[in-house]
C-alpha atoms as a PDB file:
ATOM      1  CA  MET A   1     -31.303  10.966 -25.937  1.00  0.00           C
ATOM      2  CA  ALA A   2     -27.824  12.344 -25.383  1.00  0.00           C
ATOM      3  CA  PHE A   3     -26.107  11.924 -22.045  1.00  0.00           C
ATOM      4  CA  THR A   4     -25.048  15.109 -20.311  1.00  0.00           C
ATOM      5  CA  ARG A   5     -22.994  15.327 -17.175  1.00  0.00           C
ATOM      6  CA  PRO A   6     -24.976  16.730 -14.265  1.00  0.00           C
ATOM      7  CA  TYR A   7     -22.013  18.749 -13.011  1.00  0.00           C
ATOM      8  CA  THR A   8     -20.112  20.807 -15.532  1.00  0.00           C
ATOM      9  CA  LYS A   9     -17.783  23.720 -15.108  1.00  0.00           C
ATOM     10  CA  CYS A  10     -17.302  23.604 -11.372  1.00  0.00           C
ATOM     11  CA  TYR A  11     -16.045  27.169 -11.554  1.00  0.00           C
ATOM     12  CA  SER A  12     -19.285  28.582 -12.921  1.00  0.00           C
ATOM     13  CA  THR A  13     -21.358  28.238  -9.740  1.00  0.00           C
ATOM     14  CA  PHE A  14     -18.717  28.264  -7.023  1.00  0.00           C
ATOM     15  CA  ASN A  15     -15.656  30.391  -6.472  1.00  0.00           C
ATOM     16  CA  ASN A  16     -13.447  27.332  -6.208  1.00  0.00           C
ATOM     17  CA  ARG A  17      -9.781  27.291  -7.005  1.00  0.00           C
ATOM     18  CA  VAL A  18      -8.813  23.802  -8.072  1.00  0.00           C
ATOM     19  CA  PHE A  19      -5.218  22.663  -8.478  1.00  0.00           C
ATOM     20  CA  LYS A  20      -3.283  19.531  -9.240  1.00  0.00           C
ATOM     21  CA  THR A  21       0.270  18.903  -8.157  1.00  0.00           C
ATOM     22  CA  ARG A  22       3.053  18.164 -10.602  1.00  0.00           C
ATOM     23  CA  TYR A  23       3.082  14.539  -9.412  1.00  0.00           C
ATOM     24  CA  PHE A  24      -0.653  14.174  -9.913  1.00  0.00           C
ATOM     25  CA  SER A  25      -0.379  15.738 -13.373  1.00  0.00           C
ATOM     26  CA  ARG A  26       2.256  13.175 -14.384  1.00  0.00           C
ATOM     27  CA  VAL A  27       0.286  10.191 -13.098  1.00  0.00           C
ATOM     28  CA  PHE A  28      -2.899  11.260 -14.888  1.00  0.00           C
ATOM     29  CA  LYS A  29      -1.436  13.124 -17.867  1.00  0.00           C
ATOM     30  CA  SER A  30      -3.862  11.553 -20.353  1.00  0.00           C
ATOM     31  CA  VAL A  31      -6.994  12.404 -18.340  1.00  0.00           C
ATOM     32  CA  ASN A  32      -9.008  15.469 -19.308  1.00  0.00           C
ATOM     33  CA  ASP A  33      -9.116  18.093 -16.536  1.00  0.00           C
ATOM     34  CA  GLN A  34     -12.914  18.279 -16.791  1.00  0.00           C
ATOM     35  CA  ILE A  35     -12.999  14.905 -14.985  1.00  0.00           C
ATOM     36  CA  TRP A  36     -11.323  16.530 -11.966  1.00  0.00           C
ATOM     37  CA  CYS A  37     -13.609  19.560 -12.171  1.00  0.00           C
ATOM     38  CA  ASP A  38     -16.636  17.272 -12.147  1.00  0.00           C
ATOM     39  CA  ALA A  39     -15.192  15.441  -9.118  1.00  0.00           C
ATOM     40  CA  VAL A  40     -14.830  18.741  -7.231  1.00  0.00           C
ATOM     41  CA  GLN A  41     -18.413  19.611  -8.080  1.00  0.00           C
ATOM     42  CA  GLU A  42     -19.557  16.263  -6.671  1.00  0.00           C
ATOM     43  CA  MET A  43     -17.420  16.669  -3.543  1.00  0.00           C
ATOM     44  CA  SER A  44     -18.749  20.185  -2.967  1.00  0.00           C
ATOM     45  CA  HIS A  45     -22.201  18.561  -2.804  1.00  0.00           C
ATOM     46  CA  GLY A  46     -21.001  16.071  -0.183  1.00  0.00           C
ATOM     47  CA  LEU A  47     -20.222  13.104  -2.448  1.00  0.00           C
ATOM     48  CA  ILE A  48     -16.927  12.129  -0.819  1.00  0.00           C
ATOM     49  CA  ASP A  49     -15.863   8.500  -0.576  1.00  0.00           C
ATOM     50  CA  ALA A  50     -13.758   8.789   2.584  1.00  0.00           C
ATOM     51  CA  GLN A  51     -12.560  11.434   5.004  1.00  0.00           C
ATOM     52  CA  LEU A  52      -8.963  10.351   5.663  1.00  0.00           C
ATOM     53  CA  GLY A  53      -7.951  13.161   7.977  1.00  0.00           C
ATOM     54  CA  ARG A  54      -8.780  16.703   8.925  1.00  0.00           C
ATOM     55  CA  SER A  55      -8.096  18.001   5.423  1.00  0.00           C
ATOM     56  CA  ILE A  56      -7.641  14.888   3.281  1.00  0.00           C
ATOM     57  CA  VAL A  57     -10.427  13.154   1.370  1.00  0.00           C
ATOM     58  CA  LYS A  58     -10.530  10.220  -1.018  1.00  0.00           C
ATOM     59  CA  LYS A  59     -12.630  10.368  -4.154  1.00  0.00           C
ATOM     60  CA  ARG A  60     -13.228   7.550  -6.627  1.00  0.00           C
ATOM     61  CA  VAL A  61     -13.245   8.782 -10.198  1.00  0.00           C
ATOM     62  CA  ALA A  62     -14.264   7.044 -13.409  1.00  0.00           C
ATOM     63  CA  ILE A  63     -11.501   7.369 -16.015  1.00  0.00           C
ATOM     64  CA  ASN A  64     -10.539   5.780 -19.314  1.00  0.00           C
ATOM     65  CA  GLY A  65     -13.855   4.022 -19.787  1.00  0.00           C
ATOM     66  CA  LYS A  66     -13.764   2.390 -16.347  1.00  0.00           C
ATOM     67  CA  GLY A  67     -16.475   3.020 -13.803  1.00  0.00           C
ATOM     68  CA  LYS A  68     -15.816   4.457 -10.372  1.00  0.00           C
ATOM     69  CA  ARG A  69     -15.520   0.998  -8.830  1.00  0.00           C
ATOM     70  CA  SER A  70     -12.549   0.047 -10.999  1.00  0.00           C
ATOM     71  CA  GLY A  71     -11.299   3.519 -11.895  1.00  0.00           C
ATOM     72  CA  ALA A  72      -8.912   5.853 -10.128  1.00  0.00           C
ATOM     73  CA  ARG A  73      -8.608   6.755  -6.490  1.00  0.00           C
ATOM     74  CA  THR A  74      -7.688  10.374  -5.874  1.00  0.00           C
ATOM     75  CA  ILE A  75      -6.477  11.993  -2.696  1.00  0.00           C
ATOM     76  CA  VAL A  76      -7.577  15.603  -2.371  1.00  0.00           C
ATOM     77  CA  ALA A  77      -6.476  18.241   0.127  1.00  0.00           C
ATOM     78  CA  THR A  78      -9.334  20.558   1.004  1.00  0.00           C
ATOM     79  CA  LYS A  79     -11.184  22.329   3.750  1.00  0.00           C
ATOM     80  CA  LYS A  80     -14.318  21.887   1.592  1.00  0.00           C
ATOM     81  CA  GLU A  81     -14.562  25.602   1.053  1.00  0.00           C
ATOM     82  CA  ASP A  82     -12.920  27.235  -1.910  1.00  0.00           C
ATOM     83  CA  ARG A  83      -9.633  25.375  -2.430  1.00  0.00           C
ATOM     84  CA  TRP A  84      -9.166  21.860  -3.726  1.00  0.00           C
ATOM     85  CA  PHE A  85      -5.777  20.243  -4.402  1.00  0.00           C
ATOM     86  CA  PHE A  86      -5.452  16.908  -6.198  1.00  0.00           C
ATOM     87  CA  VAL A  87      -2.244  15.707  -4.544  1.00  0.00           C
ATOM     88  CA  TYR A  88      -2.098  11.943  -5.105  1.00  0.00           C
ATOM     89  CA  GLY A  89      -3.833   9.302  -7.121  1.00  0.00           C
ATOM     90  CA  PHE A  90      -3.623   5.713  -8.227  1.00  0.00           C
ATOM     91  CA  ASN A  91      -5.519   3.138 -10.227  1.00  0.00           C
ATOM     92  CA  LYS A  92      -7.410   0.618  -8.129  1.00  0.00           C
ATOM     93  CA  ASN A  93      -5.679  -2.311  -9.838  1.00  0.00           C
ATOM     94  CA  ASP A  94      -2.238  -0.835  -8.977  1.00  0.00           C
ATOM     95  CA  GLN A  95      -2.772  -0.095  -5.289  1.00  0.00           C
ATOM     96  CA  ALA A  96      -5.507  -0.921  -2.782  1.00  0.00           C
ATOM     97  CA  ASN A  97      -5.116   2.096  -0.513  1.00  0.00           C
ATOM     98  CA  ILE A  98      -2.536   4.463   0.946  1.00  0.00           C
ATOM     99  CA  SER A  99      -0.367   3.512   3.903  1.00  0.00           C
ATOM    100  CA  THR A 100      -0.280   5.270   7.255  1.00  0.00           C
ATOM    101  CA  LYS A 101       3.122   6.703   6.335  1.00  0.00           C
ATOM    102  CA  GLU A 102       1.781   8.039   3.019  1.00  0.00           C
ATOM    103  CA  LEU A 103      -1.214   9.569   4.797  1.00  0.00           C
ATOM    104  CA  ALA A 104       1.064  11.367   7.256  1.00  0.00           C
ATOM    105  CA  ALA A 105       3.141  12.822   4.405  1.00  0.00           C
ATOM    106  CA  LEU A 106       0.010  13.828   2.469  1.00  0.00           C
ATOM    107  CA  THR A 107      -1.431  15.502   5.568  1.00  0.00           C
ATOM    108  CA  GLU A 108       1.734  17.597   5.908  1.00  0.00           C
ATOM    109  CA  LEU A 109       1.521  18.524   2.229  1.00  0.00           C
ATOM    110  CA  ALA A 110      -2.166  19.408   2.621  1.00  0.00           C
ATOM    111  CA  ASP A 111      -1.379  21.740   5.515  1.00  0.00           C
ATOM    112  CA  LEU A 112       1.294  23.508   3.457  1.00  0.00           C
ATOM    113  CA  LEU A 113      -0.955  23.903   0.417  1.00  0.00           C
ATOM    114  CA  LEU A 114      -4.079  24.968   2.275  1.00  0.00           C
ATOM    115  CA  ASN A 115      -2.224  27.652   4.237  1.00  0.00           C
ATOM    116  CA  ARG A 116      -0.833  29.371   1.131  1.00  0.00           C
ATOM    117  CA  THR A 117      -2.113  32.802   0.235  1.00  0.00           C
ATOM    118  CA  ASN A 118      -3.635  33.495  -3.172  1.00  0.00           C
ATOM    119  CA  SER A 119      -0.459  35.256  -4.278  1.00  0.00           C
ATOM    120  CA  GLU A 120       1.652  32.278  -3.151  1.00  0.00           C
ATOM    121  CA  LEU A 121      -0.635  29.981  -5.133  1.00  0.00           C
ATOM    122  CA  ASP A 122      -0.318  32.208  -8.195  1.00  0.00           C
ATOM    123  CA  GLU A 123       3.460  32.062  -7.848  1.00  0.00           C
ATOM    124  CA  ALA A 124       3.388  28.248  -7.522  1.00  0.00           C
ATOM    125  CA  VAL A 125       1.341  28.069 -10.739  1.00  0.00           C
ATOM    126  CA  ALA A 126       3.794  30.411 -12.494  1.00  0.00           C
ATOM    127  CA  GLN A 127       6.674  28.162 -11.405  1.00  0.00           C
ATOM    128  CA  ASN A 128       4.817  24.996 -12.543  1.00  0.00           C
ATOM    129  CA  GLU A 129       4.692  23.566  -9.032  1.00  0.00           C
ATOM    130  CA  LEU A 130       0.901  23.477  -9.358  1.00  0.00           C
ATOM    131  CA  ALA A 131      -1.468  23.543 -12.298  1.00  0.00           C
ATOM    132  CA  GLU A 132      -4.709  25.442 -11.826  1.00  0.00           C
ATOM    133  CA  ILE A 133      -7.693  23.818 -13.495  1.00  0.00           C
ATOM    134  CA  CYS A 134     -11.442  24.444 -13.658  1.00  0.00           C
ATOM    135  CA  HIS A 135     -11.298  27.987 -14.893  1.00  0.00           C
ATOM    136  CA  ASP A 136     -12.242  29.754 -18.150  1.00  0.00           C
END
């Protein structure tokens, strides 16, 4: 029996806009974007590993043949509605968690990203500040 992912194409059921920052794209350049889309689908169903602040969540993601326990940790800015921004990430064996100072900076970034209009987001994508994923 073939294995199929339970959550595919997060954009097909929800009107989510999912982005990754330039930094995040560099850190995880070899990871297929479908992994992030699947993570958003899981988070939209409440499968979040930690709520780090008012608009910051942590999600464990299985990458490169590693399970979620030893895989990547991603920091996502979201209001759990229609916008999801992968802003920071690290491998578990490289870093245990983020510092208070990092969380404060990520919270500021989250506020800036989440308050952008759709046209501002489109412009950021056009200027390669953000990459939009999870779309046809």
